[in-house]
Amino acid sequence: MVDKANMTEEEIKLNYITSAITSKWDKTKIRMEYYFTDGRIQIEGKKASRKKGKKADYLLYFKSNLPIAIVEAKDNKHTILGGMSMP
């Protein structure tokens, strides 16, 4: 097995995060690699476009239409703040 310090984000998710979440959360209430926003609207002159939406590694739902938590995974090369969204 690869040393944890050298694992990719996907390997961290596979070996640690997914099993931790699914041991406590109903699998039918989890979305993975899911866009949770449509993306910011950008206006340039008379033309409007939409930027790429924000995607979560894991989106946990309380009910089918009520998301309750977003989990962002990172490899060990990022700080604990590496998954925080800044405005």
PDB file of N, CA and C in Angstrom:
ATOM      1  N   MET A   1       0.842  -1.185   0.000  1.00  0.00           N
ATOM      2  CA  MET A   1       0.000   0.000   0.000  1.00  0.00           C
ATOM      3  C   MET A   1       0.887   1.247   0.000  1.00  0.00           C
ATOM      4  N   VAL A   2       0.421   2.258  -0.655  1.00  0.00           N
ATOM      5  CA  VAL A   2       1.134   3.530  -0.740  1.00  0.00           C
ATOM      6  C   VAL A   2       1.087   4.231   0.617  1.00  0.00           C
ATOM      7  N   ASP A   3       2.187   4.860   0.993  1.00  0.00           N
ATOM      8  CA  ASP A   3       2.243   5.641   2.216  1.00  0.00           C
ATOM      9  C   ASP A   3       1.217   6.771   2.121  1.00  0.00           C
ATOM     10  N   LYS A   4       0.485   7.034   3.204  1.00  0.00           N
ATOM     11  CA  LYS A   4      -0.576   8.047   3.199  1.00  0.00           C
ATOM     12  C   LYS A   4      -0.081   9.410   2.730  1.00  0.00           C
ATOM     13  N   ALA A   5       1.141   9.769   3.060  1.00  0.00           N
ATOM     14  CA  ALA A   5       1.694  11.066   2.662  1.00  0.00           C
ATOM     15  C   ALA A   5       1.843  11.190   1.151  1.00  0.00           C
ATOM     16  N   ASN A   6       1.895  10.065   0.445  1.00  0.00           N
ATOM     17  CA  ASN A   6       2.068  10.083  -1.007  1.00  0.00           C
ATOM     18  C   ASN A   6       0.801   9.727  -1.781  1.00  0.00           C
ATOM     19  N   MET A   7      -0.322   9.558  -1.079  1.00  0.00           N
ATOM     20  CA  MET A   7      -1.571   9.191  -1.743  1.00  0.00           C
ATOM     21  C   MET A   7      -2.165  10.380  -2.486  1.00  0.00           C
ATOM     22  N   THR A   8      -2.858  10.078  -3.581  1.00  0.00           N
ATOM     23  CA  THR A   8      -3.614  11.095  -4.308  1.00  0.00           C
ATOM     24  C   THR A   8      -4.918  11.358  -3.571  1.00  0.00           C
ATOM     25  N   GLU A   9      -5.618  12.382  -3.985  1.00  0.00           N
ATOM     26  CA  GLU A   9      -6.922  12.682  -3.389  1.00  0.00           C
ATOM     27  C   GLU A   9      -7.865  11.486  -3.542  1.00  0.00           C
ATOM     28  N   GLU A  10      -7.889  10.876  -4.705  1.00  0.00           N
ATOM     29  CA  GLU A  10      -8.766   9.734  -4.934  1.00  0.00           C
ATOM     30  C   GLU A  10      -8.419   8.555  -4.033  1.00  0.00           C
ATOM     31  N   GLU A  11      -7.136   8.335  -3.788  1.00  0.00           N
ATOM     32  CA  GLU A  11      -6.714   7.251  -2.898  1.00  0.00           C
ATOM     33  C   GLU A  11      -7.096   7.548  -1.445  1.00  0.00           C
ATOM     34  N   ILE A  12      -6.982   8.809  -1.035  1.00  0.00           N
ATOM     35  CA  ILE A  12      -7.416   9.216   0.304  1.00  0.00           C
ATOM     36  C   ILE A  12      -8.911   8.965   0.451  1.00  0.00           C
ATOM     37  N   LYS A  13      -9.674   9.354  -0.563  1.00  0.00           N
ATOM     38  CA  LYS A  13     -11.125   9.136  -0.521  1.00  0.00           C
ATOM     39  C   LYS A  13     -11.448   7.650  -0.422  1.00  0.00           C
ATOM     40  N   LEU A  14     -10.818   6.839  -1.257  1.00  0.00           N
ATOM     41  CA  LEU A  14     -11.076   5.401  -1.291  1.00  0.00           C
ATOM     42  C   LEU A  14     -10.724   4.728   0.030  1.00  0.00           C
ATOM     43  N   ASN A  15      -9.565   5.040   0.574  1.00  0.00           N
ATOM     44  CA  ASN A  15      -9.065   4.334   1.742  1.00  0.00           C
ATOM     45  C   ASN A  15      -9.535   4.883   3.083  1.00  0.00           C
ATOM     46  N   TYR A  16      -9.979   6.135   3.129  1.00  0.00           N
ATOM     47  CA  TYR A  16     -10.324   6.732   4.422  1.00  0.00           C
ATOM     48  C   TYR A  16     -11.708   7.374   4.465  1.00  0.00           C
ATOM     49  N   ILE A  17     -11.966   8.296   3.559  1.00  0.00           N
ATOM     50  CA  ILE A  17     -13.156   9.135   3.696  1.00  0.00           C
ATOM     51  C   ILE A  17     -14.447   8.387   3.369  1.00  0.00           C
ATOM     52  N   THR A  18     -14.487   7.693   2.243  1.00  0.00           N
ATOM     53  CA  THR A  18     -15.716   7.009   1.844  1.00  0.00           C
ATOM     54  C   THR A  18     -16.161   6.007   2.908  1.00  0.00           C
ATOM     55  N   SER A  19     -15.255   5.206   3.399  1.00  0.00           N
ATOM     56  CA  SER A  19     -15.627   4.212   4.410  1.00  0.00           C
ATOM     57  C   SER A  19     -16.091   4.874   5.714  1.00  0.00           C
ATOM     58  N   ALA A  20     -15.466   5.983   6.098  1.00  0.00           N
ATOM     59  CA  ALA A  20     -15.875   6.687   7.314  1.00  0.00           C
ATOM     60  C   ALA A  20     -17.285   7.260   7.168  1.00  0.00           C
ATOM     61  N   ILE A  21     -17.574   7.842   6.007  1.00  0.00           N
ATOM     62  CA  ILE A  21     -18.904   8.417   5.785  1.00  0.00           C
ATOM     63  C   ILE A  21     -19.961   7.322   5.685  1.00  0.00           C
ATOM     64  N   THR A  22     -19.708   6.291   4.884  1.00  0.00           N
ATOM     65  CA  THR A  22     -20.724   5.256   4.680  1.00  0.00           C
ATOM     66  C   THR A  22     -20.965   4.402   5.921  1.00  0.00           C
ATOM     67  N   SER A  23     -20.031   4.400   6.865  1.00  0.00           N
ATOM     68  CA  SER A  23     -20.270   3.657   8.106  1.00  0.00           C
ATOM     69  C   SER A  23     -21.266   4.386   9.018  1.00  0.00           C
ATOM     70  N   LYS A  24     -21.464   5.684   8.778  1.00  0.00           N
ATOM     71  CA  LYS A  24     -22.354   6.486   9.627  1.00  0.00           C
ATOM     72  C   LYS A  24     -23.534   7.109   8.881  1.00  0.00           C
ATOM     73  N   TRP A  25     -23.509   7.069   7.555  1.00  0.00           N
ATOM     74  CA  TRP A  25     -24.523   7.774   6.773  1.00  0.00           C
ATOM     75  C   TRP A  25     -25.138   6.814   5.764  1.00  0.00           C
ATOM     76  N   ASP A  26     -26.430   6.931   5.540  1.00  0.00           N
ATOM     77  CA  ASP A  26     -27.145   6.098   4.581  1.00  0.00           C
ATOM     78  C   ASP A  26     -26.617   6.361   3.166  1.00  0.00           C
ATOM     79  N   LYS A  27     -26.183   5.316   2.477  1.00  0.00           N
ATOM     80  CA  LYS A  27     -25.592   5.471   1.138  1.00  0.00           C
ATOM     81  C   LYS A  27     -26.563   6.091   0.143  1.00  0.00           C
ATOM     82  N   THR A  28     -27.864   5.920   0.360  1.00  0.00           N
ATOM     83  CA  THR A  28     -28.845   6.500  -0.563  1.00  0.00           C
ATOM     84  C   THR A  28     -28.969   8.008  -0.396  1.00  0.00           C
ATOM     85  N   LYS A  29     -28.325   8.559   0.637  1.00  0.00           N
ATOM     86  CA  LYS A  29     -28.391  10.001   0.900  1.00  0.00           C
ATOM     87  C   LYS A  29     -27.037  10.666   0.710  1.00  0.00           C
ATOM     88  N   ILE A  30     -26.209  10.069  -0.152  1.00  0.00           N
ATOM     89  CA  ILE A  30     -24.892  10.614  -0.459  1.00  0.00           C
ATOM     90  C   ILE A  30     -24.768  10.810  -1.965  1.00  0.00           C
ATOM     91  N   ARG A  31     -24.325  11.993  -2.370  1.00  0.00           N
ATOM     92  CA  ARG A  31     -23.971  12.238  -3.770  1.00  0.00           C
ATOM     93  C   ARG A  31     -22.474  12.477  -3.803  1.00  0.00           C
ATOM     94  N   MET A  32     -21.801  11.924  -4.802  1.00  0.00           N
ATOM     95  CA  MET A  32     -20.354  12.103  -4.922  1.00  0.00           C
ATOM     96  C   MET A  32     -20.033  12.825  -6.222  1.00  0.00           C
ATOM     97  N   GLU A  33     -19.001  13.688  -6.167  1.00  0.00           N
ATOM     98  CA  GLU A  33     -18.584  14.462  -7.350  1.00  0.00           C
ATOM     99  C   GLU A  33     -19.800  15.153  -7.958  1.00  0.00           C
ATOM    100  N   TYR A  34     -20.512  15.892  -7.131  1.00  0.00           N
ATOM    101  CA  TYR A  34     -21.807  16.468  -7.501  1.00  0.00           C
ATOM    102  C   TYR A  34     -21.744  17.993  -7.499  1.00  0.00           C
ATOM    103  N   TYR A  35     -22.218  18.615  -8.584  1.00  0.00           N
ATOM    104  CA  TYR A  35     -22.288  20.077  -8.655  1.00  0.00           C
ATOM    105  C   TYR A  35     -23.441  20.546  -7.784  1.00  0.00           C
ATOM    106  N   PHE A  36     -23.136  21.418  -6.829  1.00  0.00           N
ATOM    107  CA  PHE A  36     -24.184  21.921  -5.938  1.00  0.00           C
ATOM    108  C   PHE A  36     -24.541  23.378  -6.210  1.00  0.00           C
ATOM    109  N   THR A  37     -23.885  23.996  -7.180  1.00  0.00           N
ATOM    110  CA  THR A  37     -24.298  25.323  -7.651  1.00  0.00           C
ATOM    111  C   THR A  37     -24.309  25.302  -9.177  1.00  0.00           C
ATOM    112  N   ASP A  38     -25.056  26.225  -9.739  1.00  0.00           N
ATOM    113  CA  ASP A  38     -25.089  26.353 -11.194  1.00  0.00           C
ATOM    114  C   ASP A  38     -23.913  27.173 -11.706  1.00  0.00           C
ATOM    115  N   GLY A  39     -23.262  27.880 -10.833  1.00  0.00           N
ATOM    116  CA  GLY A  39     -22.145  28.735 -11.242  1.00  0.00           C
ATOM    117  C   GLY A  39     -22.542  30.198 -11.243  1.00  0.00           C
ATOM    118  N   ARG A  40     -21.588  31.013 -10.946  1.00  0.00           N
ATOM    119  CA  ARG A  40     -21.819  32.450 -10.858  1.00  0.00           C
ATOM    120  C   ARG A  40     -22.115  33.034 -12.244  1.00  0.00           C
ATOM    121  N   ILE A  41     -23.069  33.961 -12.296  1.00  0.00           N
ATOM    122  CA  ILE A  41     -23.393  34.637 -13.553  1.00  0.00           C
ATOM    123  C   ILE A  41     -22.399  35.775 -13.741  1.00  0.00           C
ATOM    124  N   GLN A  42     -21.821  35.832 -14.932  1.00  0.00           N
ATOM    125  CA  GLN A  42     -20.827  36.850 -15.254  1.00  0.00           C
ATOM    126  C   GLN A  42     -21.372  37.674 -16.412  1.00  0.00           C
ATOM    127  N   ILE A  43     -21.350  38.988 -16.252  1.00  0.00           N
ATOM    128  CA  ILE A  43     -21.867  39.883 -17.292  1.00  0.00           C
ATOM    129  C   ILE A  43     -20.717  40.714 -17.831  1.00  0.00           C
ATOM    130  N   GLU A  44     -20.540  40.651 -19.147  1.00  0.00           N
ATOM    131  CA  GLU A  44     -19.532  41.458 -19.832  1.00  0.00           C
ATOM    132  C   GLU A  44     -20.245  42.224 -20.936  1.00  0.00           C
ATOM    133  N   GLY A  45     -20.398  43.531 -20.705  1.00  0.00           N
ATOM    134  CA  GLY A  45     -21.136  44.348 -21.666  1.00  0.00           C
ATOM    135  C   GLY A  45     -22.588  43.900 -21.704  1.00  0.00           C
ATOM    136  N   LYS A  46     -23.054  43.499 -22.898  1.00  0.00           N
ATOM    137  CA  LYS A  46     -24.429  43.038 -23.047  1.00  0.00           C
ATOM    138  C   LYS A  46     -24.532  41.520 -23.063  1.00  0.00           C
ATOM    139  N   LYS A  47     -23.423  40.849 -22.804  1.00  0.00           N
ATOM    140  CA  LYS A  47     -23.409  39.387 -22.854  1.00  0.00           C
ATOM    141  C   LYS A  47     -23.281  38.805 -21.443  1.00  0.00           C
ATOM    142  N   ALA A  48     -24.150  37.868 -21.163  1.00  0.00           N
ATOM    143  CA  ALA A  48     -24.110  37.185 -19.867  1.00  0.00           C
ATOM    144  C   ALA A  48     -23.719  35.724 -20.080  1.00  0.00           C
ATOM    145  N   SER A  49     -22.922  35.227 -19.185  1.00  0.00           N
ATOM    146  CA  SER A  49     -22.544  33.812 -19.229  1.00  0.00           C
ATOM    147  C   SER A  49     -22.473  33.295 -17.798  1.00  0.00           C
ATOM    148  N   ARG A  50     -22.389  32.002 -17.691  1.00  0.00           N
ATOM    149  CA  ARG A  50     -22.319  31.394 -16.367  1.00  0.00           C
ATOM    150  C   ARG A  50     -20.981  30.699 -16.204  1.00  0.00           C
ATOM    151  N   LYS A  51     -20.319  30.959 -15.087  1.00  0.00           N
ATOM    152  CA  LYS A  51     -19.064  30.273 -14.784  1.00  0.00           C
ATOM    153  C   LYS A  51     -19.365  28.839 -14.359  1.00  0.00           C
ATOM    154  N   LYS A  52     -18.327  28.046 -14.252  1.00  0.00           N
ATOM    155  CA  LYS A  52     -18.485  26.658 -13.847  1.00  0.00           C
ATOM    156  C   LYS A  52     -19.018  26.597 -12.414  1.00  0.00           C
ATOM    157  N   GLY A  53     -19.935  25.680 -12.171  1.00  0.00           N
ATOM    158  CA  GLY A  53     -20.505  25.504 -10.838  1.00  0.00           C
ATOM    159  C   GLY A  53     -19.500  24.909  -9.868  1.00  0.00           C
ATOM    160  N   LYS A  54     -19.856  24.931  -8.597  1.00  0.00           N
ATOM    161  CA  LYS A  54     -18.999  24.347  -7.563  1.00  0.00           C
ATOM    162  C   LYS A  54     -19.396  22.890  -7.366  1.00  0.00           C
ATOM    163  N   LYS A  55     -18.381  22.043  -7.248  1.00  0.00           N
ATOM    164  CA  LYS A  55     -18.609  20.613  -7.137  1.00  0.00           C
ATOM    165  C   LYS A  55     -18.058  20.107  -5.809  1.00  0.00           C
ATOM    166  N   ALA A  56     -18.835  19.271  -5.142  1.00  0.00           N
ATOM    167  CA  ALA A  56     -18.416  18.686  -3.872  1.00  0.00           C
ATOM    168  C   ALA A  56     -17.935  17.257  -4.096  1.00  0.00           C
ATOM    169  N   ASP A  57     -16.933  16.858  -3.334  1.00  0.00           N
ATOM    170  CA  ASP A  57     -16.520  15.460  -3.369  1.00  0.00           C
ATOM    171  C   ASP A  57     -17.635  14.593  -2.799  1.00  0.00           C
ATOM    172  N   TYR A  58     -18.262  15.059  -1.719  1.00  0.00           N
ATOM    173  CA  TYR A  58     -19.390  14.361  -1.109  1.00  0.00           C
ATOM    174  C   TYR A  58     -20.429  15.400  -0.715  1.00  0.00           C
ATOM    175  N   LEU A  59     -21.685  15.135  -1.014  1.00  0.00           N
ATOM    176  CA  LEU A  59     -22.796  15.967  -0.571  1.00  0.00           C
ATOM    177  C   LEU A  59     -23.739  15.049   0.196  1.00  0.00           C
ATOM    178  N   LEU A  60     -23.923  15.327   1.486  1.00  0.00           N
ATOM    179  CA  LEU A  60     -24.751  14.481   2.335  1.00  0.00           C
ATOM    180  C   LEU A  60     -26.125  15.122   2.497  1.00  0.00           C
ATOM    181  N   TYR A  61     -27.149  14.306   2.348  1.00  0.00           N
ATOM    182  CA  TYR A  61     -28.531  14.772   2.432  1.00  0.00           C
ATOM    183  C   TYR A  61     -29.196  14.291   3.707  1.00  0.00           C
ATOM    184  N   PHE A  62     -30.027  15.157   4.287  1.00  0.00           N
ATOM    185  CA  PHE A  62     -30.882  14.773   5.408  1.00  0.00           C
ATOM    186  C   PHE A  62     -32.129  14.098   4.855  1.00  0.00           C
ATOM    187  N   LYS A  63     -32.723  14.736   3.830  1.00  0.00           N
ATOM    188  CA  LYS A  63     -33.854  14.191   3.067  1.00  0.00           C
ATOM    189  C   LYS A  63     -33.486  14.327   1.602  1.00  0.00           C
ATOM    190  N   SER A  64     -34.281  13.756   0.737  1.00  0.00           N
ATOM    191  CA  SER A  64     -33.932  13.737  -0.688  1.00  0.00           C
ATOM    192  C   SER A  64     -33.730  15.125  -1.293  1.00  0.00           C
ATOM    193  N   ASN A  65     -34.370  16.132  -0.758  1.00  0.00           N
ATOM    194  CA  ASN A  65     -34.235  17.486  -1.314  1.00  0.00           C
ATOM    195  C   ASN A  65     -33.580  18.461  -0.334  1.00  0.00           C
ATOM    196  N   LEU A  66     -32.915  17.931   0.705  1.00  0.00           N
ATOM    197  CA  LEU A  66     -32.347  18.793   1.733  1.00  0.00           C
ATOM    198  C   LEU A  66     -30.901  18.412   2.034  1.00  0.00           C
ATOM    199  N   PRO A  67     -29.948  19.034   1.299  1.00  0.00           N
ATOM    200  CA  PRO A  67     -28.532  18.760   1.600  1.00  0.00           C
ATOM    201  C   PRO A  67     -28.171  19.361   2.949  1.00  0.00           C
ATOM    202  N   ILE A  68     -27.338  18.630   3.692  1.00  0.00           N
ATOM    203  CA  ILE A  68     -27.003  19.078   5.042  1.00  0.00           C
ATOM    204  C   ILE A  68     -25.503  19.296   5.238  1.00  0.00           C
ATOM    205  N   ALA A  69     -24.665  18.646   4.410  1.00  0.00           N
ATOM    206  CA  ALA A  69     -23.220  18.790   4.602  1.00  0.00           C
ATOM    207  C   ALA A  69     -22.473  18.590   3.295  1.00  0.00           C
ATOM    208  N   ILE A  70     -21.385  19.312   3.167  1.00  0.00           N
ATOM    209  CA  ILE A  70     -20.473  19.161   2.030  1.00  0.00           C
ATOM    210  C   ILE A  70     -19.132  18.701   2.588  1.00  0.00           C
ATOM    211  N   VAL A  71     -18.567  17.663   1.971  1.00  0.00           N
ATOM    212  CA  VAL A  71     -17.249  17.181   2.375  1.00  0.00           C
ATOM    213  C   VAL A  71     -16.314  17.349   1.186  1.00  0.00           C
ATOM    214  N   GLU A  72     -15.238  18.062   1.405  1.00  0.00           N
ATOM    215  CA  GLU A  72     -14.237  18.295   0.365  1.00  0.00           C
ATOM    216  C   GLU A  72     -12.969  17.554   0.741  1.00  0.00           C
ATOM    217  N   ALA A  73     -12.550  16.644  -0.097  1.00  0.00           N
ATOM    218  CA  ALA A  73     -11.351  15.848   0.161  1.00  0.00           C
ATOM    219  C   ALA A  73     -10.125  16.524  -0.464  1.00  0.00           C
ATOM    220  N   LYS A  74      -8.987  16.335   0.185  1.00  0.00           N
ATOM    221  CA  LYS A  74      -7.712  16.827  -0.349  1.00  0.00           C
ATOM    222  C   LYS A  74      -6.639  15.789  -0.059  1.00  0.00           C
ATOM    223  N   ASP A  75      -5.596  15.802  -0.865  1.00  0.00           N
ATOM    224  CA  ASP A  75      -4.456  14.929  -0.568  1.00  0.00           C
ATOM    225  C   ASP A  75      -3.632  15.568   0.544  1.00  0.00           C
ATOM    226  N   ASN A  76      -2.574  14.911   0.966  1.00  0.00           N
ATOM    227  CA  ASN A  76      -1.770  15.404   2.086  1.00  0.00           C
ATOM    228  C   ASN A  76      -0.828  16.549   1.723  1.00  0.00           C
ATOM    229  N   LYS A  77      -0.886  17.004   0.504  1.00  0.00           N
ATOM    230  CA  LYS A  77      -0.041  18.131   0.095  1.00  0.00           C
ATOM    231  C   LYS A  77      -0.735  19.472   0.351  1.00  0.00           C
ATOM    232  N   HIS A  78      -1.987  19.427   0.814  1.00  0.00           N
ATOM    233  CA  HIS A  78      -2.757  20.632   1.110  1.00  0.00           C
ATOM    234  C   HIS A  78      -2.893  20.798   2.619  1.00  0.00           C
ATOM    235  N   THR A  79      -3.053  22.038   3.064  1.00  0.00           N
ATOM    236  CA  THR A  79      -3.334  22.300   4.468  1.00  0.00           C
ATOM    237  C   THR A  79      -4.801  21.981   4.738  1.00  0.00           C
ATOM    238  N   ILE A  80      -5.190  22.003   5.986  1.00  0.00           N
ATOM    239  CA  ILE A  80      -6.577  21.725   6.338  1.00  0.00           C
ATOM    240  C   ILE A  80      -7.533  22.779   5.766  1.00  0.00           C
ATOM    241  N   LEU A  81      -7.021  23.961   5.444  1.00  0.00           N
ATOM    242  CA  LEU A  81      -7.840  25.013   4.851  1.00  0.00           C
ATOM    243  C   LEU A  81      -7.910  24.908   3.330  1.00  0.00           C
ATOM    244  N   GLY A  82      -7.214  23.947   2.753  1.00  0.00           N
ATOM    245  CA  GLY A  82      -7.164  23.810   1.302  1.00  0.00           C
ATOM    246  C   GLY A  82      -8.490  23.573   0.635  1.00  0.00           C
ATOM    247  N   GLY A  83      -9.474  23.061   1.349  1.00  0.00           N
ATOM    248  CA  GLY A  83     -10.794  22.806   0.769  1.00  0.00           C
ATOM    249  C   GLY A  83     -11.803  23.899   1.014  1.00  0.00           C
ATOM    250  N   MET A  84     -11.388  24.957   1.719  1.00  0.00           N
ATOM    251  CA  MET A  84     -12.317  26.042   2.026  1.00  0.00           C
ATOM    252  C   MET A  84     -12.526  26.923   0.809  1.00  0.00           C
ATOM    253  N   SER A  85     -13.776  27.280   0.583  1.00  0.00           N
ATOM    254  CA  SER A  85     -14.122  28.170  -0.519  1.00  0.00           C
ATOM    255  C   SER A  85     -13.998  29.610  -0.056  1.00  0.00           C
ATOM    256  N   MET A  86     -13.313  30.406  -0.830  1.00  0.00           N
ATOM    257  CA  MET A  86     -13.152  31.813  -0.508  1.00  0.00           C
ATOM    258  C   MET A  86     -13.966  32.628  -1.511  1.00  0.00           C
ATOM    259  N   PRO A  87     -14.665  33.674  -1.039  1.00  0.00           N
ATOM    260  CA  PRO A  87     -15.497  34.477  -1.956  1.00  0.00           C
ATOM    261  C   PRO A  87     -14.710  35.210  -3.002  1.00  0.00           C
TER     262      PRO A  87
END
